[in-house]
N, C-alpha and C. Protein backbone atom coordinates (compact mmCIF):
# COMPACT_ATOMS: atom_id res chain seq x y z
N MET A 1 0.73 -1.47 -0.08
CA MET A 1 0.08 0.01 -0.04
C MET A 1 0.86 1.17 0.03
N SER A 2 0.10 2.01 -0.53
CA SER A 2 1.12 3.45 -0.69
C SER A 2 0.80 4.11 0.58
N THR A 3 2.00 5.01 0.70
CA THR A 3 1.96 5.87 2.21
C THR A 3 0.54 6.69 2.30
N GLY A 4 0.29 7.26 1.53
CA GLY A 4 -1.06 8.13 1.35
C GLY A 4 -2.46 7.20 1.75
N THR A 5 -2.09 5.96 1.16
CA THR A 5 -3.50 4.99 1.68
C THR A 5 -3.42 4.55 2.89
N ASP A 6 -2.22 4.29 3.41
CA ASP A 6 -1.98 3.85 4.56
C ASP A 6 -2.27 5.11 5.63
N ALA A 7 -2.06 6.44 5.34
CA ALA A 7 -2.41 7.48 6.17
C ALA A 7 -4.11 7.52 6.26
N TRP A 8 -4.38 7.30 5.10
CA TRP A 8 -6.24 7.43 4.72
C TRP A 8 -6.56 6.14 5.73
N PHE A 9 -6.21 5.10 5.66
CA PHE A 9 -6.76 4.18 6.70
C PHE A 9 -6.40 4.48 7.88
N ALA A 10 -5.48 5.04 8.47
CA ALA A 10 -5.05 5.08 9.96
C ALA A 10 -5.87 6.50 10.41
N ALA A 11 -6.22 7.47 9.59
CA ALA A 11 -7.19 8.43 9.94
C ALA A 11 -8.60 8.00 9.81
N GLU A 12 -8.98 7.08 9.17
CA GLU A 12 -10.56 6.34 9.40
C GLU A 12 -10.48 5.45 10.50
N ARG A 13 -9.35 4.65 10.68
CA ARG A 13 -9.67 4.15 11.96
C ARG A 13 -9.62 4.93 13.12
N LYS A 14 -9.08 5.57 13.32
CA LYS A 14 -9.06 6.62 14.46
C LYS A 14 -10.42 7.08 14.76
N ARG A 15 -11.03 7.64 13.51
CA ARG A 15 -12.33 8.19 13.33
C ARG A 15 -13.39 7.13 13.92
N MET A 16 -13.28 6.12 13.48
CA MET A 16 -14.13 4.76 13.66
C MET A 16 -14.00 4.45 15.04
N ARG A 17 -12.50 4.52 15.30
CA ARG A 17 -12.38 4.04 17.00
C ARG A 17 -13.02 5.12 17.82
N GLU A 18 -12.83 6.31 17.84
CA GLU A 18 -13.47 7.33 18.81
C GLU A 18 -15.17 7.08 18.85
N ASP A 19 -15.77 6.58 17.98
CA ASP A 19 -17.20 6.04 17.65
C ASP A 19 -17.50 4.97 18.71
N LEU A 20 -16.59 4.09 18.29
CA LEU A 20 -16.60 2.73 19.05
C LEU A 20 -16.51 2.82 20.62
N VAL A 21 -15.27 3.87 20.76
CA VAL A 21 -15.11 3.72 22.37
C VAL A 21 -16.49 4.46 23.11
N LYS A 22 -17.11 5.50 22.31
CA LYS A 22 -18.21 6.20 22.93
C LYS A 22 -19.20 4.92 23.36
N ARG A 23 -19.84 4.19 21.94
CA ARG A 23 -20.57 3.12 21.98
C ARG A 23 -20.41 2.03 23.24
N LYS A 24 -19.05 1.88 23.25
CA LYS A 24 -18.47 0.78 24.37
C LYS A 24 -19.09 1.31 25.57
N GLN A 25 -18.56 2.60 25.88
CA GLN A 25 -18.73 3.37 27.38
C GLN A 25 -20.34 3.06 27.64
N ALA A 26 -21.09 3.56 26.58
CA ALA A 26 -22.61 3.71 26.87
C ALA A 26 -23.29 2.57 27.22
N LEU A 27 -22.86 1.32 26.62
CA LEU A 27 -23.20 -0.18 26.86
C LEU A 27 -22.78 -0.70 28.55
N THR A 28 -21.52 -0.20 28.57
CA THR A 28 -21.07 -0.56 29.95
C THR A 28 -21.92 -1.03 30.80
N PRO A 29 -22.71 -0.28 31.55
CA PRO A 29 -23.62 -0.13 32.46
C PRO A 29 -24.42 -1.58 32.25
N ALA A 30 -24.99 -1.73 31.04
CA ALA A 30 -25.91 -2.68 30.81
C ALA A 30 -25.30 -4.20 30.73
N LEU A 31 -24.07 -4.15 30.13
CA LEU A 31 -23.05 -5.36 30.01
C LEU A 31 -22.98 -5.85 31.60
N ARG A 32 -22.73 -5.07 32.37
CA ARG A 32 -22.49 -5.44 33.83
C ARG A 32 -23.39 -6.15 34.26
N GLU A 33 -24.59 -6.04 33.78
CA GLU A 33 -25.64 -6.79 34.35
C GLU A 33 -25.76 -8.31 34.17
N GLY A 34 -24.84 -8.42 32.92
CA GLY A 34 -25.06 -9.77 32.11
C GLY A 34 -26.12 -9.83 31.28
N LEU A 35 -25.99 -10.02 29.84
CA LEU A 35 -26.87 -9.96 28.71
C LEU A 35 -27.54 -11.42 28.60
N GLU A 36 -28.79 -11.49 28.44
CA GLU A 36 -29.41 -12.97 27.99
C GLU A 36 -29.38 -12.75 26.40
N TRP A 37 -29.02 -14.11 25.76
CA TRP A 37 -29.14 -14.20 24.37
C TRP A 37 -30.28 -14.57 24.17
N PRO A 38 -30.97 -13.48 22.94
CA PRO A 38 -30.19 -12.65 22.06
C PRO A 38 -29.88 -11.35 22.67
N PHE A 39 -28.65 -11.13 22.48
CA PHE A 39 -28.39 -9.52 22.63
C PHE A 39 -29.03 -8.45 22.04
N PRO A 40 -28.90 -7.55 22.55
CA PRO A 40 -29.77 -6.27 21.85
C PRO A 40 -29.10 -5.83 20.45
N ASP A 41 -29.51 -5.22 19.47
CA ASP A 41 -29.16 -5.00 18.23
C ASP A 41 -27.69 -4.09 18.92
N GLU A 42 -27.78 -3.12 19.59
CA GLU A 42 -26.60 -2.31 19.60
C GLU A 42 -25.78 -3.19 20.36
N VAL A 43 -25.56 -3.96 20.78
CA VAL A 43 -24.36 -4.78 21.41
C VAL A 43 -23.81 -5.61 20.17
N ASN A 44 -24.93 -6.30 19.47
CA ASN A 44 -24.34 -7.20 18.15
C ASN A 44 -23.61 -6.35 17.35
N LYS A 45 -24.05 -5.01 17.18
CA LYS A 45 -23.40 -4.03 16.09
C LYS A 45 -22.16 -3.68 16.54
N LEU A 46 -21.89 -3.39 17.88
CA LEU A 46 -20.96 -3.02 18.35
C LEU A 46 -19.47 -4.08 18.10
N SER A 47 -20.30 -5.41 18.29
CA SER A 47 -19.38 -6.31 18.24
C SER A 47 -18.60 -6.39 17.04
N LYS A 48 -19.63 -6.27 15.71
CA LYS A 48 -19.29 -6.42 14.37
C LYS A 48 -18.26 -5.27 14.38
N ASP A 49 -18.54 -3.78 14.60
CA ASP A 49 -17.87 -3.16 14.13
C ASP A 49 -16.64 -3.04 14.75
N VAL A 50 -16.24 -3.44 15.96
CA VAL A 50 -15.11 -3.43 16.51
C VAL A 50 -13.88 -4.23 15.77
N VAL A 51 -14.68 -5.59 15.35
CA VAL A 51 -13.79 -6.21 14.18
C VAL A 51 -13.50 -5.86 12.89
N SER A 52 -14.44 -4.88 12.20
CA SER A 52 -14.32 -4.49 11.09
C SER A 52 -13.29 -3.11 11.18
N THR A 53 -13.21 -2.52 12.05
CA THR A 53 -12.46 -1.50 12.32
C THR A 53 -10.95 -1.87 12.76
N ALA A 54 -10.97 -3.03 13.50
CA ALA A 54 -9.56 -3.50 13.89
C ALA A 54 -8.85 -4.02 12.33
N VAL A 55 -9.28 -4.45 11.68
CA VAL A 55 -8.66 -4.82 10.52
C VAL A 55 -8.67 -4.09 9.17
N LEU A 56 -9.07 -2.78 9.31
CA LEU A 56 -9.61 -2.10 8.22
C LEU A 56 -8.19 -1.69 7.48
N GLY A 57 -8.09 -1.59 6.59
CA GLY A 57 -6.82 -1.40 5.78
C GLY A 57 -5.63 -2.54 5.61
N LYS A 58 -5.69 -3.58 6.47
CA LYS A 58 -4.89 -4.63 6.90
C LYS A 58 -5.08 -5.56 5.92
N SER A 59 -4.34 -5.75 4.71
CA SER A 59 -4.46 -6.96 3.50
C SER A 59 -4.60 -8.37 4.11
N PRO A 60 -5.84 -8.72 3.46
CA PRO A 60 -5.90 -10.29 4.07
C PRO A 60 -5.34 -11.05 3.15
N ASN A 61 -4.31 -10.66 2.14
CA ASN A 61 -3.53 -11.74 1.36
C ASN A 61 -2.13 -11.86 1.80
N GLU A 62 -1.79 -11.09 2.59
CA GLU A 62 -0.53 -11.21 2.89
C GLU A 62 -0.01 -12.47 3.46
N ALA A 63 1.15 -13.10 3.57
CA ALA A 63 1.59 -14.12 3.86
C ALA A 63 1.54 -14.14 5.67
N GLY A 64 1.07 -15.19 6.23
CA GLY A 64 1.67 -15.16 7.76
C GLY A 64 0.40 -15.14 8.58
N GLY A 65 0.49 -15.04 9.86
CA GLY A 65 -0.54 -15.30 10.50
C GLY A 65 -1.09 -13.90 11.34
N ARG A 66 -1.62 -13.78 12.29
CA ARG A 66 -2.17 -12.28 12.96
C ARG A 66 -2.04 -12.53 14.52
N ILE A 67 -1.57 -11.63 15.32
CA ILE A 67 -2.01 -12.11 16.81
C ILE A 67 -3.12 -11.13 16.94
N TYR A 68 -3.90 -11.36 18.08
CA TYR A 68 -5.25 -10.55 18.09
C TYR A 68 -5.21 -10.33 19.74
N VAL A 69 -6.02 -9.24 20.15
CA VAL A 69 -6.50 -8.92 21.05
C VAL A 69 -8.04 -8.56 21.52
N LEU A 70 -8.64 -9.31 22.19
CA LEU A 70 -10.29 -9.42 22.25
C LEU A 70 -10.64 -8.85 23.39
N GLU A 71 -11.29 -7.92 23.77
CA GLU A 71 -12.06 -7.62 25.11
C GLU A 71 -13.38 -8.12 25.08
N PHE A 72 -13.66 -8.58 26.35
CA PHE A 72 -15.17 -9.03 26.38
C PHE A 72 -15.64 -8.40 28.00
N ARG A 73 -17.01 -7.67 27.47
CA ARG A 73 -17.82 -7.32 28.90
C ARG A 73 -18.84 -8.26 29.09
N GLY A 74 -19.00 -8.25 30.65
CA GLY A 74 -20.41 -8.81 30.83
C GLY A 74 -20.61 -8.68 32.30
N PRO A 75 -20.67 -9.60 33.15
CA PRO A 75 -20.63 -9.45 34.67
C PRO A 75 -19.10 -8.82 35.16
N GLY A 76 -18.21 -8.96 34.40
CA GLY A 76 -16.86 -8.78 34.57
C GLY A 76 -16.36 -8.13 33.18
N GLN A 77 -15.02 -8.23 32.99
CA GLN A 77 -14.22 -7.93 31.85
C GLN A 77 -12.92 -8.68 31.90
N TYR A 78 -12.72 -9.13 30.76
CA TYR A 78 -11.53 -9.70 30.39
C TYR A 78 -11.24 -9.71 28.97
N VAL A 79 -9.72 -9.78 28.66
CA VAL A 79 -9.00 -9.58 27.50
C VAL A 79 -8.60 -10.98 27.28
N LYS A 80 -8.76 -11.40 26.07
CA LYS A 80 -8.38 -12.88 25.22
C LYS A 80 -7.44 -12.44 24.36
N LEU A 81 -5.98 -12.90 24.31
CA LEU A 81 -4.97 -13.14 23.69
C LEU A 81 -4.94 -14.24 22.77
N GLY A 82 -4.44 -13.89 21.46
CA GLY A 82 -4.16 -15.26 20.69
C GLY A 82 -3.80 -15.00 19.21
N SER A 83 -3.41 -16.01 18.70
CA SER A 83 -2.96 -15.82 17.00
C SER A 83 -4.02 -16.83 16.25
N VAL A 84 -3.88 -16.38 15.04
CA VAL A 84 -4.50 -17.12 13.95
C VAL A 84 -3.83 -17.24 12.84
N ASP A 85 -3.91 -18.17 11.99
CA ASP A 85 -3.24 -18.25 10.72
C ASP A 85 -3.83 -18.20 9.40
N ARG A 86 -5.10 -18.21 9.49
CA ARG A 86 -5.86 -18.31 8.43
C ARG A 86 -7.33 -17.31 8.55
N ASP A 87 -8.41 -17.97 9.04
CA ASP A 87 -9.70 -16.80 9.00
C ASP A 87 -10.00 -16.66 10.23
N TYR A 88 -9.52 -15.06 10.51
CA TYR A 88 -9.72 -14.61 11.87
C TYR A 88 -11.15 -14.47 12.43
N ARG A 89 -12.00 -14.19 11.15
CA ARG A 89 -13.28 -13.99 11.66
C ARG A 89 -14.01 -15.10 12.07
N ARG A 90 -13.60 -16.16 11.51
CA ARG A 90 -14.14 -17.59 12.35
C ARG A 90 -13.76 -17.83 13.59
N ARG A 91 -12.56 -17.10 13.99
CA ARG A 91 -11.77 -17.44 15.29
C ARG A 91 -12.59 -16.56 15.91
N VAL A 92 -12.76 -15.39 15.64
CA VAL A 92 -13.62 -14.48 16.74
C VAL A 92 -14.94 -14.99 16.92
N LEU A 93 -15.55 -15.46 15.70
CA LEU A 93 -17.00 -16.09 16.01
C LEU A 93 -17.25 -17.07 17.11
N GLN A 94 -15.69 -17.98 17.02
CA GLN A 94 -15.77 -19.02 18.19
C GLN A 94 -15.85 -18.52 19.73
N HIS A 95 -14.79 -17.21 19.54
CA HIS A 95 -14.71 -16.84 20.91
C HIS A 95 -16.07 -16.00 21.28
N LYS A 96 -16.72 -15.48 20.26
CA LYS A 96 -17.95 -14.82 20.80
C LYS A 96 -18.95 -15.79 21.07
N ARG A 97 -19.08 -17.03 20.58
CA ARG A 97 -20.27 -18.08 21.14
C ARG A 97 -19.81 -18.47 22.48
N ILE A 98 -18.49 -18.64 22.54
CA ILE A 98 -18.10 -19.27 23.96
C ILE A 98 -18.29 -17.87 25.13
N ALA A 99 -18.13 -16.80 24.74
CA ALA A 99 -18.45 -15.48 25.70
C ALA A 99 -20.08 -15.59 26.17
N ARG A 100 -20.66 -15.70 24.86
CA ARG A 100 -22.27 -15.49 25.19
C ARG A 100 -22.78 -16.26 26.27
N VAL A 101 -22.15 -17.45 25.94
CA VAL A 101 -23.08 -18.55 27.12
C VAL A 101 -22.84 -18.08 28.44
N HIS A 102 -21.61 -17.10 28.81
CA HIS A 102 -21.49 -16.84 30.02
C HIS A 102 -22.05 -15.43 30.08
N ARG A 103 -22.60 -14.88 29.12
CA ARG A 103 -23.44 -13.55 29.10
C ARG A 103 -22.41 -12.18 29.12
N TYR A 104 -21.08 -12.61 28.44
CA TYR A 104 -20.43 -11.59 27.78
C TYR A 104 -20.38 -11.56 26.28
N ALA A 105 -20.26 -10.26 25.97
CA ALA A 105 -20.07 -9.72 24.70
C ALA A 105 -18.45 -9.21 24.17
N LEU A 106 -18.47 -9.41 23.12
CA LEU A 106 -16.96 -8.85 22.41
C LEU A 106 -17.41 -7.01 22.43
N VAL A 107 -16.20 -6.40 23.08
CA VAL A 107 -16.56 -4.86 22.79
C VAL A 107 -15.48 -4.32 22.20
N ASP A 108 -14.68 -4.88 22.18
CA ASP A 108 -13.18 -4.33 21.50
C ASP A 108 -12.33 -5.18 20.96
N ALA A 109 -11.62 -4.86 19.92
CA ALA A 109 -10.64 -5.80 18.98
C ALA A 109 -9.47 -5.16 18.56
N TRP A 110 -8.54 -5.79 18.38
CA TRP A 110 -7.14 -5.48 17.73
C TRP A 110 -6.51 -6.85 17.40
N PHE A 111 -6.29 -6.27 15.88
CA PHE A 111 -5.32 -7.53 15.23
C PHE A 111 -4.22 -6.96 14.58
N SER A 112 -3.25 -7.68 14.33
CA SER A 112 -1.89 -7.11 13.88
C SER A 112 -2.28 -7.49 12.14
N PRO A 113 -1.05 -6.74 11.57
CA PRO A 113 -1.19 -7.12 10.29
C PRO A 113 -0.42 -8.47 10.12
N HIS A 114 -0.37 -9.26 8.63
CA HIS A 114 -0.03 -10.50 8.91
C HIS A 114 1.72 -10.20 9.38
N VAL A 115 2.10 -11.45 10.05
CA VAL A 115 3.47 -11.19 10.47
C VAL A 115 3.93 -13.06 10.21
N PRO A 116 4.92 -13.24 9.85
CA PRO A 116 5.39 -14.43 9.73
C PRO A 116 5.73 -15.45 10.94
N ASN A 117 5.59 -14.77 12.15
CA ASN A 117 6.08 -15.36 13.17
C ASN A 117 5.10 -15.37 14.32
N HIS A 118 3.68 -15.34 14.09
CA HIS A 118 2.48 -15.09 14.85
C HIS A 118 2.53 -15.91 16.36
N LEU A 119 3.08 -17.31 16.13
CA LEU A 119 2.95 -17.94 17.21
C LEU A 119 3.93 -17.45 18.57
N GLU A 120 5.35 -17.18 18.12
CA GLU A 120 6.16 -16.73 18.72
C GLU A 120 5.84 -15.26 19.46
N LEU A 121 5.20 -14.33 18.56
CA LEU A 121 4.64 -13.22 19.10
C LEU A 121 3.65 -13.44 20.05
N GLU A 122 3.00 -14.11 19.99
CA GLU A 122 1.66 -14.62 20.85
C GLU A 122 2.34 -14.91 22.24
N GLY A 123 3.03 -15.92 22.06
CA GLY A 123 3.88 -16.15 23.42
C GLY A 123 4.74 -15.02 24.05
N ALA A 124 5.26 -14.25 23.34
CA ALA A 124 6.00 -13.05 24.01
C ALA A 124 5.20 -12.09 24.57
N LEU A 125 4.03 -11.85 23.66
CA LEU A 125 2.71 -11.01 24.44
C LEU A 125 2.40 -11.69 25.62
N LYS A 126 2.20 -12.96 25.98
CA LYS A 126 1.69 -13.52 27.01
C LYS A 126 2.40 -13.28 28.35
N LYS A 127 3.61 -13.48 27.68
CA LYS A 127 4.63 -13.51 29.04
C LYS A 127 4.94 -12.16 29.31
N PHE A 128 5.13 -11.17 28.60
CA PHE A 128 5.06 -9.74 28.82
C PHE A 128 3.83 -8.94 29.84
N LEU A 129 2.69 -9.50 29.40
CA LEU A 129 1.73 -8.85 30.09
C LEU A 129 1.44 -9.71 31.36
N ARG A 130 2.12 -11.15 31.65
CA ARG A 130 1.62 -11.96 32.60
C ARG A 130 2.87 -10.96 33.79
N ILE A 131 3.78 -10.36 33.43
CA ILE A 131 4.90 -9.62 34.22
C ILE A 131 4.23 -8.86 35.11
N THR A 132 3.36 -8.39 34.83
CA THR A 132 2.48 -6.83 35.47
C THR A 132 1.02 -7.31 35.97
N HIS A 133 0.65 -8.37 35.17
CA HIS A 133 -0.72 -8.66 35.22
C HIS A 133 -0.83 -10.13 35.86
N THR A 134 -1.36 -10.37 37.18
CA THR A 134 -1.34 -11.37 37.79
C THR A 134 -2.56 -12.22 37.89
N GLN A 135 -3.84 -11.33 37.27
CA GLN A 135 -4.90 -12.34 37.08
C GLN A 135 -5.10 -12.71 35.58
N HIS A 136 -4.58 -14.21 35.67
CA HIS A 136 -4.68 -14.68 34.23
C HIS A 136 -4.64 -16.34 34.08
N ASP A 137 -5.32 -16.50 33.17
CA ASP A 137 -5.55 -17.84 33.26
C ASP A 137 -5.27 -18.22 31.67
N GLY A 138 -4.27 -18.76 31.30
CA GLY A 138 -3.68 -19.02 30.21
C GLY A 138 -3.63 -17.84 29.26
N GLU A 139 -4.46 -17.70 28.19
CA GLU A 139 -4.61 -16.45 27.37
C GLU A 139 -5.83 -15.56 27.58
N TYR A 140 -6.45 -15.92 28.76
CA TYR A 140 -7.33 -15.08 29.43
C TYR A 140 -7.00 -14.25 30.66
N PHE A 141 -6.99 -12.84 30.46
CA PHE A 141 -6.38 -11.97 31.25
C PHE A 141 -7.63 -11.15 32.11
N LEU A 142 -8.06 -11.26 33.30
CA LEU A 142 -9.20 -10.72 33.74
C LEU A 142 -8.72 -9.57 34.34
N GLY A 143 -9.47 -8.40 33.89
CA GLY A 143 -9.40 -6.93 34.14
C GLY A 143 -8.07 -6.08 33.61
N LEU A 144 -7.75 -6.93 32.98
CA LEU A 144 -6.52 -6.02 32.08
C LEU A 144 -6.91 -5.09 31.14
N ASP A 145 -6.41 -3.80 31.18
CA ASP A 145 -6.82 -2.71 30.14
C ASP A 145 -6.52 -3.02 28.89
N PHE A 146 -7.82 -2.96 28.16
CA PHE A 146 -7.66 -3.49 26.59
C PHE A 146 -6.67 -2.57 25.97
N ASP A 147 -6.55 -1.39 26.00
CA ASP A 147 -5.57 -0.19 25.46
C ASP A 147 -4.31 -0.55 25.79
N HIS A 148 -3.93 -1.20 26.87
CA HIS A 148 -2.47 -1.06 27.42
C HIS A 148 -2.20 -2.71 26.68
N ALA A 149 -2.82 -3.75 26.78
CA ALA A 149 -2.63 -4.71 25.82
C ALA A 149 -2.56 -4.78 24.27
N ALA A 150 -3.40 -3.82 23.74
CA ALA A 150 -3.30 -3.42 22.36
C ALA A 150 -1.82 -2.83 22.03
N ALA A 151 -1.50 -1.75 23.02
CA ALA A 151 -0.57 -1.10 22.72
C ALA A 151 0.77 -1.96 22.75
N VAL A 152 0.67 -2.83 23.73
CA VAL A 152 2.02 -3.88 23.78
C VAL A 152 2.13 -4.80 22.45
N ALA A 153 0.97 -5.08 22.18
CA ALA A 153 0.93 -5.97 20.99
C ALA A 153 1.11 -5.70 19.71
N GLY A 154 0.75 -3.93 19.64
CA GLY A 154 1.15 -3.17 18.55
C GLY A 154 2.90 -2.77 18.53
N HIS A 155 3.38 -2.73 19.50
CA HIS A 155 4.60 -2.54 19.76
C HIS A 155 5.65 -3.76 19.38
N LEU A 156 5.04 -5.09 19.81
CA LEU A 156 5.98 -6.38 19.36
C LEU A 156 5.80 -6.62 18.11
N THR A 157 4.74 -5.97 17.10
CA THR A 157 4.55 -6.52 15.74
C THR A 157 5.13 -5.24 15.02
N GLY A 158 5.24 -4.16 15.42
CA GLY A 158 5.50 -2.94 14.76
C GLY A 158 4.42 -2.52 14.13
N SER A 159 3.56 -2.17 14.75
CA SER A 159 2.05 -1.81 13.85
C SER A 159 1.11 -1.05 15.04
N PRO A 160 0.39 -0.08 14.63
CA PRO A 160 -0.18 0.64 15.41
C PRO A 160 -1.70 0.05 16.19
């Protein structure tokens, strides 16, 4: 991609991200009650939009996998870290199905561009975040600040 195109996608992601943050904050009180399936339309739309925004302008055809950071809210909050080498949408749907059974909804997402060493980067991200965050179970981090986790992941992959 050209620098001009990259700049446009970055500006568009920033604009969309500001909207998503506002919607997430507005839904947080309802999410804390724990939602029953089917979730309200505004929750489903937020979940869909956070994934679309997170991959905006990131080429689907490059070689390699991606690492991802997903935030779920419901009766509590957790961040799920992982990596995927093929269909990231399918993987996100799997996480959303698991979460909704427990009354949690996907409220934020970050994906790296394609990287050749996604498994190693995922491992490094988990190790780094475990240094300062003790409430974790494997790749699930309870109460972890999503923006912090996404910033660390971005630093590891060299992407915003």
